[in-house]
Amino acid sequence: MGTQYPNKISALVELKSKLAEHQKLHKIEDILDDAMLIGFLNGKKYNVNDSLKCLEQFVYIRTEKYPSFSMKYLIPSTLPMLDVQCIRTLKYMDKGCRRIGVGQISLWDPSKNNVHELLAENVLHLDESIRNYMTHSEGNEFIMIIDMAGFCVQHFRNATPSRIVQYFDFFLNNAPVRVVAIHLLNLSKMGNIVVSVCKRFMKEKIRKRLFIHDDFASLHDHLPATALPVSLGGHLSDEDAFENEFVPGIRNQERFYTRMAELAMVS
C-alpha cells in the first residue's frame, strides 16, 4: 500500500501529526485508528484540513451537542437494538463501488426499542461503514434503500422535527460521507407526511436524490434484482444478500465508544 499510494500515506501521516497537536482531539488520538482516519480522508478526498474539520464536527456532535445521547446509547455492549438490525448493508456494490444500505422500518418495534436506540443503531452502523466498508468508492459515496412497509402511528409519533434534525446532524451534516441516492418504498399517507417534513431540513441537492418507488420493478430500474434480497423483490436470501460482520465489527469497537462517552461526560 505504501509504494502504490504514497500521497495517501503522506496524508495519513500528516493527519496524525495534526491530531497529536490538536487542543481537544489529542485526547482521543489513540482510539482513532488508521481505518477510521483513512475513512475520513477518503470521505474528504484526502484533503487533510477538510478531514480534520470533519473530525472536529464528528466529535463535537457526539460530545458537546448530544452528550447524553452518546453516554446512554452509543455503547455497543448496552444496545440490544444492534441485534435487531433495522439497517444492514448489501454485499453488492454498484459500478462506482458504492455501498448500499437497507433500512427496514417493519423491524423496529417502538414499544420495545425507543427512537434513540434506533438512531444509535444507525449511527454505529454508519461508523463501521466509514471504518471498513466505504473506502472503495471515491468520497465515501453510498446509496440508501428505505423500506417504509409497516410504518404506523407509533412510528409517526417519533418523527418529530427535533429528532429529524438530530438524525441529519449525525448522517448528512457531520460525517465524511456522500449520499448519492435515497430510494423509498412502500410509503403510506403517514410516511409521505414524514418525508415532506424531512425535505424541509434537506439541502436541495439531497432532495433531488430522493426516489419514491410505487413497486419493486421501479427500484430494479436503478438496482438489479439479482443483487437484492427477496424482501425487496430480489433473488437472494438475506444470508446471501447482506454483509454479516457488521455487528461483530461494531462490538469490537467498545473501547472507542467508551472513551467517546467519557469525553462527552467532561465536555
Protein backbone atom coordinates (compact mmCIF):
# COMPACT_ATOMS: atom_id res chain seq x y z
CA MET A 1 0.00 0.00 0.00
CA GLY A 2 2.84 2.42 0.87
CA THR A 3 4.52 2.17 -2.52
CA GLN A 4 1.28 2.17 -4.50
CA TYR A 5 -0.37 5.14 -2.78
CA PRO A 6 2.42 7.35 -1.40
CA ASN A 7 0.29 10.53 -1.37
CA LYS A 8 -2.41 8.82 0.66
CA ILE A 9 0.14 7.53 3.16
CA SER A 10 1.58 11.04 3.45
CA ALA A 11 -1.91 12.40 4.07
CA LEU A 12 -2.46 9.87 6.87
CA VAL A 13 0.86 10.77 8.50
CA GLU A 14 0.03 14.48 8.29
CA LEU A 15 -3.43 13.99 9.76
CA LYS A 16 -1.99 12.02 12.67
CA SER A 17 0.50 14.82 13.29
CA LYS A 18 -2.27 17.42 13.37
CA LEU A 19 -4.31 15.26 15.75
CA ALA A 20 -1.38 15.00 18.15
CA GLU A 21 -1.21 18.81 18.29
CA HIS A 22 -4.95 19.43 18.40
CA GLN A 23 -6.27 21.08 21.56
CA LYS A 24 -9.11 18.58 22.02
CA LEU A 25 -8.67 15.69 19.62
CA HIS A 26 -5.27 14.75 21.03
CA LYS A 27 -7.18 13.30 23.99
CA ILE A 28 -8.61 10.55 21.79
CA GLU A 29 -5.92 10.15 19.12
CA ASP A 30 -5.13 6.69 20.49
CA ILE A 31 -8.63 5.41 19.62
CA LEU A 32 -8.70 6.97 16.15
CA ASP A 33 -7.12 4.03 14.38
CA ASP A 34 -5.80 4.02 10.82
CA ALA A 35 -9.01 2.50 9.44
CA MET A 36 -11.14 5.31 10.86
CA LEU A 37 -8.72 8.05 9.80
CA ILE A 38 -8.48 6.62 6.28
CA GLY A 39 -12.27 6.62 6.22
CA PHE A 40 -12.30 10.35 6.99
CA LEU A 41 -9.54 11.07 4.49
CA ASN A 42 -11.31 9.13 1.76
CA GLY A 43 -14.54 10.94 2.53
CA LYS A 44 -12.79 14.26 2.05
CA LYS A 45 -10.79 13.08 -0.97
CA TYR A 46 -7.56 13.12 1.02
CA ASN A 47 -7.71 16.81 1.85
CA VAL A 48 -6.12 16.76 5.31
CA ASN A 49 -7.53 20.07 6.52
CA ASP A 50 -11.06 19.16 5.44
CA SER A 51 -10.68 15.75 7.10
CA LEU A 52 -9.58 17.40 10.35
CA LYS A 53 -12.54 19.80 10.29
CA CYS A 54 -14.90 16.90 9.72
CA LEU A 55 -13.35 15.02 12.65
CA GLU A 56 -13.84 18.09 14.81
CA GLN A 57 -17.53 18.20 13.90
CA PHE A 58 -17.86 14.43 14.31
CA VAL A 59 -16.55 14.66 17.88
CA TYR A 60 -18.45 17.89 18.66
CA ILE A 61 -21.80 16.36 17.72
CA ARG A 62 -21.20 13.37 19.97
CA THR A 63 -19.52 15.01 22.94
CA GLU A 64 -20.96 18.53 23.11
CA LYS A 65 -24.20 18.83 21.13
CA TYR A 66 -25.64 15.42 22.11
CA PRO A 67 -23.50 14.26 25.07
CA SER A 68 -26.32 12.48 26.91
CA PHE A 69 -27.17 10.50 23.80
CA SER A 70 -23.57 9.36 23.41
CA MET A 71 -23.24 8.36 27.04
CA LYS A 72 -26.53 6.48 27.23
CA TYR A 73 -26.95 4.93 23.78
CA LEU A 74 -23.69 4.87 21.81
CA ILE A 75 -22.22 1.95 23.77
CA PRO A 76 -22.39 -1.30 21.77
CA SER A 77 -22.45 -3.61 24.79
CA THR A 78 -25.59 -1.96 26.18
CA LEU A 79 -27.54 -1.56 22.93
CA PRO A 80 -29.79 -4.60 22.28
CA MET A 81 -31.06 -2.83 19.14
CA LEU A 82 -27.87 -3.92 17.39
CA ASP A 83 -29.28 -7.43 17.17
CA VAL A 84 -32.50 -6.20 15.55
CA GLN A 85 -30.55 -4.95 12.52
CA CYS A 86 -33.08 -2.47 11.18
CA ILE A 87 -30.26 -1.29 8.95
CA ARG A 88 -27.96 -3.59 7.00
CA THR A 89 -25.55 -3.28 4.10
CA LEU A 90 -25.72 -5.27 0.88
CA LYS A 91 -22.72 -7.28 -0.26
CA TYR A 92 -23.32 -5.88 -3.74
CA MET A 93 -21.62 -2.64 -4.80
CA ASP A 94 -22.71 -0.64 -7.83
CA LYS A 95 -20.43 0.30 -10.74
CA GLY A 96 -18.99 3.17 -8.71
CA CYS A 97 -18.09 0.73 -5.90
CA ARG A 98 -20.70 2.42 -3.72
CA ARG A 99 -22.06 0.54 -0.75
CA ILE A 100 -25.83 0.22 -0.39
CA GLY A 101 -27.58 0.39 2.96
CA VAL A 102 -31.05 -1.04 3.52
CA GLY A 103 -33.31 0.24 6.28
CA GLN A 104 -36.48 -1.70 7.11
CA ILE A 105 -38.97 0.12 9.32
CA SER A 106 -41.05 -3.02 9.91
CA LEU A 107 -38.23 -4.47 12.04
CA TRP A 108 -38.47 -1.59 14.54
CA ASP A 109 -41.00 -2.04 17.34
CA PRO A 110 -41.19 1.30 19.23
CA SER A 111 -42.83 -0.44 22.20
CA LYS A 112 -39.62 -2.45 22.72
CA ASN A 113 -36.89 -0.08 21.48
CA ASN A 114 -37.25 3.68 21.62
CA VAL A 115 -36.33 6.06 18.82
CA HIS A 116 -32.97 6.88 20.45
CA GLU A 117 -31.98 3.23 20.26
CA LEU A 118 -32.95 3.16 16.60
CA LEU A 119 -30.82 6.23 15.92
CA ALA A 120 -27.92 4.73 17.87
CA GLU A 121 -28.03 1.53 15.81
CA ASN A 122 -27.91 3.63 12.64
CA VAL A 123 -25.02 5.76 13.93
CA LEU A 124 -22.94 2.72 14.91
CA HIS A 125 -23.66 1.13 11.54
CA LEU A 126 -22.51 4.29 9.76
CA ASP A 127 -19.31 4.42 11.80
CA GLU A 128 -18.49 0.82 10.89
CA SER A 129 -19.21 1.60 7.24
CA ILE A 130 -16.77 4.53 7.32
CA ARG A 131 -14.15 2.43 9.06
CA ASN A 132 -14.30 -0.73 6.97
CA TYR A 133 -16.71 -0.67 4.04
CA MET A 134 -16.90 2.64 2.17
CA THR A 135 -13.36 3.36 1.10
CA HIS A 136 -13.72 1.52 -2.22
CA SER A 137 -15.76 4.48 -3.50
CA GLU A 138 -14.47 7.98 -4.09
CA GLY A 139 -15.60 10.28 -1.31
CA ASN A 140 -17.35 7.51 0.66
CA GLU A 141 -20.35 7.69 -1.63
CA PHE A 142 -23.26 5.43 -0.73
CA ILE A 143 -26.86 4.61 -1.59
CA MET A 144 -29.77 4.07 0.80
CA ILE A 145 -32.89 1.98 0.35
CA ILE A 146 -35.57 2.63 2.98
CA ASP A 147 -38.50 0.24 3.05
CA MET A 148 -41.34 2.00 4.87
CA ALA A 149 -43.62 -1.05 4.95
CA GLY A 150 -45.24 -1.36 8.36
CA PHE A 151 -44.93 2.35 9.19
CA CYS A 152 -47.65 3.02 11.76
CA VAL A 153 -48.91 5.59 14.26
CA GLN A 154 -46.26 4.59 16.83
CA HIS A 155 -43.51 5.28 14.31
CA PHE A 156 -45.19 8.51 13.19
CA ARG A 157 -45.28 9.92 16.74
CA ASN A 158 -41.49 9.57 16.97
CA ALA A 159 -40.80 11.56 13.79
CA THR A 160 -40.68 14.96 15.48
CA PRO A 161 -38.75 17.86 13.88
CA SER A 162 -36.12 17.83 16.64
CA ARG A 163 -35.43 14.14 16.12
CA ILE A 164 -35.25 14.59 12.36
CA VAL A 165 -32.68 17.36 12.88
CA GLN A 166 -30.67 15.09 15.19
CA TYR A 167 -30.75 12.32 12.60
CA PHE A 168 -29.45 14.67 9.91
CA ASP A 169 -26.78 16.02 12.28
CA PHE A 170 -25.32 12.54 12.53
CA PHE A 171 -25.81 11.35 8.96
CA LEU A 172 -25.81 14.19 6.48
CA ASN A 173 -24.10 17.16 8.09
CA ASN A 174 -21.20 15.87 10.18
CA ALA A 175 -19.95 12.62 8.69
CA PRO A 176 -17.38 12.08 5.90
CA VAL A 177 -19.91 10.51 3.55
CA ARG A 178 -21.92 11.49 0.50
CA VAL A 179 -25.32 10.00 -0.25
CA VAL A 180 -25.89 9.75 -3.99
CA ALA A 181 -29.41 8.29 -3.90
CA ILE A 182 -32.16 7.53 -1.39
CA HIS A 183 -34.76 5.03 -2.59
CA LEU A 184 -38.05 4.97 -0.67
CA LEU A 185 -40.51 2.09 -0.87
CA ASN A 186 -44.00 1.37 0.47
CA LEU A 187 -44.86 4.90 1.55
CA SER A 188 -48.19 5.22 3.34
CA LYS A 189 -50.01 8.54 3.84
CA MET A 190 -48.27 8.97 7.20
CA GLY A 191 -44.96 8.06 5.60
CA ASN A 192 -45.45 10.71 2.95
CA ILE A 193 -46.07 13.31 5.65
CA VAL A 194 -42.79 12.38 7.36
CA VAL A 195 -40.90 12.55 4.07
CA SER A 196 -42.39 16.00 3.41
CA VAL A 197 -41.18 17.20 6.82
CA CYS A 198 -37.73 15.69 6.22
CA LYS A 199 -37.42 17.53 2.93
CA ARG A 200 -37.67 20.85 4.77
CA PHE A 201 -34.42 20.06 6.54
CA MET A 202 -32.62 18.74 3.46
CA LYS A 203 -30.40 20.70 1.15
CA GLU A 204 -31.79 20.98 -2.37
CA LYS A 205 -29.11 18.69 -3.77
CA ILE A 206 -30.20 15.93 -1.36
CA ARG A 207 -33.88 16.40 -2.20
CA LYS A 208 -33.02 15.83 -5.85
CA ARG A 209 -31.52 12.45 -4.92
CA LEU A 210 -34.76 11.14 -3.43
CA PHE A 211 -36.55 8.47 -5.46
CA ILE A 212 -40.00 7.25 -4.42
CA HIS A 213 -40.99 3.89 -5.87
CA ASP A 214 -44.51 2.52 -6.24
CA ASP A 215 -43.26 -1.01 -6.74
CA PHE A 216 -40.16 -3.19 -6.80
CA ALA A 217 -39.92 -3.01 -10.60
CA SER A 218 -39.28 0.73 -10.31
CA LEU A 219 -36.49 0.10 -7.78
CA HIS A 220 -34.98 -2.54 -10.06
CA ASP A 221 -34.57 0.10 -12.77
CA HIS A 222 -31.85 1.50 -10.51
CA LEU A 223 -30.52 -1.59 -8.74
CA PRO A 224 -30.53 -5.14 -10.13
CA ALA A 225 -32.88 -7.70 -8.61
CA THR A 226 -30.03 -10.22 -8.76
CA ALA A 227 -28.25 -8.24 -6.00
CA LEU A 228 -31.27 -7.69 -3.75
CA PRO A 229 -32.95 -9.85 -1.08
CA VAL A 230 -36.37 -11.40 -1.60
CA SER A 231 -37.84 -8.77 0.77
CA LEU A 232 -37.00 -6.14 -1.87
CA GLY A 233 -38.27 -8.20 -4.78
CA GLY A 234 -34.82 -9.64 -5.41
CA HIS A 235 -33.43 -13.11 -5.92
CA LEU A 236 -31.27 -13.57 -2.82
CA SER A 237 -31.76 -14.85 0.69
CA ASP A 238 -30.84 -12.42 3.45
CA GLU A 239 -27.73 -14.50 4.16
CA ASP A 240 -26.54 -14.14 0.57
CA ALA A 241 -27.62 -10.52 0.17
CA PHE A 242 -26.28 -8.81 3.30
CA GLU A 243 -22.89 -8.36 4.90
CA ASN A 244 -22.84 -10.38 8.12
CA GLU A 245 -19.84 -8.99 10.02
CA PHE A 246 -21.23 -5.55 10.88
CA VAL A 247 -22.45 -6.27 14.41
CA PRO A 248 -19.26 -8.14 15.50
CA GLY A 249 -17.21 -5.30 13.98
CA ILE A 250 -19.18 -2.70 15.93
CA ARG A 251 -18.86 -4.63 19.18
CA ASN A 252 -15.11 -4.81 18.68
CA GLN A 253 -15.06 -1.01 18.96
CA GLU A 254 -16.33 -0.91 22.56
CA ARG A 255 -13.23 0.95 23.74
CA PHE A 256 -13.72 3.65 21.10
CA TYR A 257 -17.29 4.36 22.21
CA THR A 258 -16.50 4.16 25.92
CA ARG A 259 -13.78 6.78 25.51
CA MET A 260 -16.08 9.00 23.44
CA ALA A 261 -18.70 8.74 26.19
CA GLU A 262 -16.07 9.68 28.79
CA LEU A 263 -15.16 12.73 26.72
CA ALA A 264 -18.84 13.63 26.45
CA MET A 265 -19.13 13.43 30.23
CA VAL A 266 -16.49 16.12 30.81
CA SER A 267 -17.19 18.36 27.81
